[in-house]
Amino acid sequence: MNRILLAEDDNDMRRFLARALQNAGYDVVSFDNGRSAYDRLREEPFTLLLTDIVMPEMDGIELARRASELDPDLKIMFITGFAAVALNPDSQAPKDAKVLSKPFHLKDLVREVERMLAAA
């Protein structure tokens, strides 16, 4: 089963995203900050990291960079209202990371996740 690690500091958004992905058949583990998500990623493997960019303790770009060092095969998707930050070459975000700009429809998120995981 594809396992998704979700890092999103907005409680309501995190619950909505986790529920939508679980309803689509994914195993989702979620955290409200990048540091906790990274600690979990060090303990067990995941298929996809789905992360907000702007978060306390460790932002999503730093989380993605560190996560891809731990597991180069980990797929990464940013969910953000700040797409330009993720797309900025100076951000050092992983090159093949997908960016989904807020606001988005939950069905669009599920479709993008399915596409990314099918490309594995």
C-alpha atoms as a PDB file:
ATOM      1  CA  MET A   1       0.000   0.000   0.000  1.00  0.00           C
ATOM      2  CA  ASN A   2       1.218   3.494  -0.787  1.00  0.00           C
ATOM      3  CA  ARG A   3       2.011   5.395   2.374  1.00  0.00           C
ATOM      4  CA  ILE A   4       1.786   9.179   2.476  1.00  0.00           C
ATOM      5  CA  LEU A   5       3.485  11.412   5.015  1.00  0.00           C
ATOM      6  CA  LEU A   6       1.515  14.654   5.292  1.00  0.00           C
ATOM      7  CA  ALA A   7       3.005  17.779   6.883  1.00  0.00           C
ATOM      8  CA  GLU A   8       0.563  20.712   7.167  1.00  0.00           C
ATOM      9  CA  ASP A   9       0.389  23.159  10.065  1.00  0.00           C
ATOM     10  CA  ASP A  10      -3.236  24.223   9.472  1.00  0.00           C
ATOM     11  CA  ASN A  11      -5.309  21.766  11.530  1.00  0.00           C
ATOM     12  CA  ASP A  12      -8.469  21.953   9.410  1.00  0.00           C
ATOM     13  CA  MET A  13      -6.552  21.660   6.133  1.00  0.00           C
ATOM     14  CA  ARG A  14      -4.549  18.717   7.484  1.00  0.00           C
ATOM     15  CA  ARG A  15      -7.728  16.865   8.510  1.00  0.00           C
ATOM     16  CA  PHE A  16      -9.424  17.514   5.140  1.00  0.00           C
ATOM     17  CA  LEU A  17      -6.381  16.358   3.177  1.00  0.00           C
ATOM     18  CA  ALA A  18      -5.834  13.263   5.310  1.00  0.00           C
ATOM     19  CA  ARG A  19      -9.504  12.267   5.053  1.00  0.00           C
ATOM     20  CA  ALA A  20      -9.616  12.753   1.268  1.00  0.00           C
ATOM     21  CA  LEU A  21      -6.482  10.653   0.770  1.00  0.00           C
ATOM     22  CA  GLN A  22      -7.647   7.952   3.171  1.00  0.00           C
ATOM     23  CA  ASN A  23     -10.991   7.800   1.344  1.00  0.00           C
ATOM     24  CA  ALA A  24      -9.002   7.275  -1.878  1.00  0.00           C
ATOM     25  CA  GLY A  25      -7.344   4.254  -0.278  1.00  0.00           C
ATOM     26  CA  TYR A  26      -4.046   5.648   0.959  1.00  0.00           C
ATOM     27  CA  ASP A  27      -2.408   5.082   4.321  1.00  0.00           C
ATOM     28  CA  VAL A  28      -1.786   8.617   5.642  1.00  0.00           C
ATOM     29  CA  VAL A  29       0.307   9.695   8.618  1.00  0.00           C
ATOM     30  CA  SER A  30       0.064  13.422   9.338  1.00  0.00           C
ATOM     31  CA  PHE A  31       1.970  15.995  11.361  1.00  0.00           C
ATOM     32  CA  ASP A  32       1.536  19.684  12.071  1.00  0.00           C
ATOM     33  CA  ASN A  33       5.197  20.622  11.560  1.00  0.00           C
ATOM     34  CA  GLY A  34       8.190  19.632   9.487  1.00  0.00           C
ATOM     35  CA  ARG A  35      10.412  18.552  12.367  1.00  0.00           C
ATOM     36  CA  SER A  36       7.962  15.891  13.613  1.00  0.00           C
ATOM     37  CA  ALA A  37       7.345  14.689  10.051  1.00  0.00           C
ATOM     38  CA  TYR A  38      11.095  14.366   9.462  1.00  0.00           C
ATOM     39  CA  ASP A  39      11.565  12.431  12.693  1.00  0.00           C
ATOM     40  CA  ARG A  40       8.883   9.956  11.575  1.00  0.00           C
ATOM     41  CA  LEU A  41      10.426   9.657   8.121  1.00  0.00           C
ATOM     42  CA  ARG A  42      13.690   8.618   9.746  1.00  0.00           C
ATOM     43  CA  GLU A  43      11.850   5.740  11.466  1.00  0.00           C
ATOM     44  CA  GLU A  44       9.934   4.187   8.572  1.00  0.00           C
ATOM     45  CA  PRO A  45       9.555   4.389   4.779  1.00  0.00           C
ATOM     46  CA  PHE A  46       6.894   6.343   2.921  1.00  0.00           C
ATOM     47  CA  THR A  47       6.018   6.506  -0.766  1.00  0.00           C
ATOM     48  CA  LEU A  48       5.102  10.201  -0.913  1.00  0.00           C
ATOM     49  CA  LEU A  49       5.820  13.294   1.153  1.00  0.00           C
ATOM     50  CA  LEU A  50       2.987  15.810   0.869  1.00  0.00           C
ATOM     51  CA  THR A  51       4.026  19.019   2.567  1.00  0.00           C
ATOM     52  CA  ASP A  52       3.047  22.622   2.993  1.00  0.00           C
ATOM     53  CA  ILE A  53       5.952  25.038   2.523  1.00  0.00           C
ATOM     54  CA  VAL A  54       5.358  27.596   5.266  1.00  0.00           C
ATOM     55  CA  MET A  55       5.388  25.768   8.625  1.00  0.00           C
ATOM     56  CA  PRO A  56       6.913  26.245  12.070  1.00  0.00           C
ATOM     57  CA  GLU A  57      10.070  24.467  13.267  1.00  0.00           C
ATOM     58  CA  MET A  58      11.121  23.233   9.803  1.00  0.00           C
ATOM     59  CA  ASP A  59       9.637  24.561   6.569  1.00  0.00           C
ATOM     60  CA  GLY A  60       8.493  22.273   3.785  1.00  0.00           C
ATOM     61  CA  ILE A  61      11.467  22.927   1.516  1.00  0.00           C
ATOM     62  CA  GLU A  62      13.954  22.005   4.236  1.00  0.00           C
ATOM     63  CA  LEU A  63      11.838  18.950   5.078  1.00  0.00           C
ATOM     64  CA  ALA A  64      11.789  17.898   1.414  1.00  0.00           C
ATOM     65  CA  ARG A  65      15.549  18.391   1.036  1.00  0.00           C
ATOM     66  CA  ARG A  66      16.313  16.307   4.115  1.00  0.00           C
ATOM     67  CA  ALA A  67      13.711  13.689   3.204  1.00  0.00           C
ATOM     68  CA  SER A  68      15.168  13.212  -0.267  1.00  0.00           C
ATOM     69  CA  GLU A  69      18.624  12.744   1.301  1.00  0.00           C
ATOM     70  CA  LEU A  70      17.174   9.967   3.475  1.00  0.00           C
ATOM     71  CA  ASP A  71      15.264   8.358   0.611  1.00  0.00           C
ATOM     72  CA  PRO A  72      16.146   9.460  -2.930  1.00  0.00           C
ATOM     73  CA  ASP A  73      13.131   7.512  -4.288  1.00  0.00           C
ATOM     74  CA  LEU A  74      10.621   9.378  -2.116  1.00  0.00           C
ATOM     75  CA  LYS A  75       8.123  11.309  -4.223  1.00  0.00           C
ATOM     76  CA  ILE A  76       7.546  14.883  -3.056  1.00  0.00           C
ATOM     77  CA  MET A  77       4.598  17.206  -3.549  1.00  0.00           C
ATOM     78  CA  PHE A  78       4.309  20.712  -2.142  1.00  0.00           C
ATOM     79  CA  ILE A  79       0.894  22.129  -1.323  1.00  0.00           C
ATOM     80  CA  THR A  80       1.202  25.867  -0.954  1.00  0.00           C
ATOM     81  CA  GLY A  81      -0.184  29.305  -1.443  1.00  0.00           C
ATOM     82  CA  PHE A  82       3.388  30.365  -2.249  1.00  0.00           C
ATOM     83  CA  ALA A  83       4.154  28.408  -5.435  1.00  0.00           C
ATOM     84  CA  ALA A  84       6.739  30.960  -6.555  1.00  0.00           C
ATOM     85  CA  VAL A  85       8.844  30.117  -3.488  1.00  0.00           C
ATOM     86  CA  ALA A  86       8.927  26.417  -4.352  1.00  0.00           C
ATOM     87  CA  LEU A  87       9.621  27.127  -8.000  1.00  0.00           C
ATOM     88  CA  ASN A  88      12.466  29.527  -7.231  1.00  0.00           C
ATOM     89  CA  PRO A  89      15.723  27.788  -8.235  1.00  0.00           C
ATOM     90  CA  ASP A  90      17.428  29.283  -5.169  1.00  0.00           C
ATOM     91  CA  SER A  91      15.022  27.464  -2.843  1.00  0.00           C
ATOM     92  CA  GLN A  92      16.995  24.201  -3.194  1.00  0.00           C
ATOM     93  CA  ALA A  93      13.724  22.280  -3.363  1.00  0.00           C
ATOM     94  CA  PRO A  94      14.099  18.804  -4.896  1.00  0.00           C
ATOM     95  CA  LYS A  95      14.019  19.222  -8.685  1.00  0.00           C
ATOM     96  CA  ASP A  96      11.311  16.673  -9.468  1.00  0.00           C
ATOM     97  CA  ALA A  97       8.938  17.816  -6.729  1.00  0.00           C
ATOM     98  CA  LYS A  98       5.386  18.607  -7.814  1.00  0.00           C
ATOM     99  CA  VAL A  99       3.740  21.857  -6.691  1.00  0.00           C
ATOM    100  CA  LEU A 100      -0.013  22.090  -6.127  1.00  0.00           C
ATOM    101  CA  SER A 101      -1.088  25.676  -5.481  1.00  0.00           C
ATOM    102  CA  LYS A 102      -3.741  26.531  -2.900  1.00  0.00           C
ATOM    103  CA  PRO A 103      -6.625  26.804  -3.199  1.00  0.00           C
ATOM    104  CA  PHE A 104      -7.244  23.482  -4.914  1.00  0.00           C
ATOM    105  CA  HIS A 105     -10.105  21.006  -5.024  1.00  0.00           C
ATOM    106  CA  LEU A 106      -9.621  17.778  -3.065  1.00  0.00           C
ATOM    107  CA  LYS A 107     -10.316  15.724  -6.196  1.00  0.00           C
ATOM    108  CA  ASP A 108      -7.438  17.563  -7.917  1.00  0.00           C
ATOM    109  CA  LEU A 109      -5.132  16.635  -5.043  1.00  0.00           C
ATOM    110  CA  VAL A 110      -6.145  12.963  -5.225  1.00  0.00           C
ATOM    111  CA  ARG A 111      -5.695  12.962  -9.015  1.00  0.00           C
ATOM    112  CA  GLU A 112      -2.193  14.489  -8.756  1.00  0.00           C
ATOM    113  CA  VAL A 113      -1.202  12.015  -6.026  1.00  0.00           C
ATOM    114  CA  GLU A 114      -2.455   9.134  -8.200  1.00  0.00           C
ATOM    115  CA  ARG A 115      -0.434  10.442 -11.158  1.00  0.00           C
ATOM    116  CA  MET A 116       2.738  10.757  -9.116  1.00  0.00           C
ATOM    117  CA  LEU A 117       2.417   7.307  -7.619  1.00  0.00           C
ATOM    118  CA  ALA A 118       1.545   5.690 -10.961  1.00  0.00           C
ATOM    119  CA  ALA A 119       4.800   7.062 -12.388  1.00  0.00           C
ATOM    120  CA  ALA A 120       6.785   5.070  -9.824  1.00  0.00           C
END
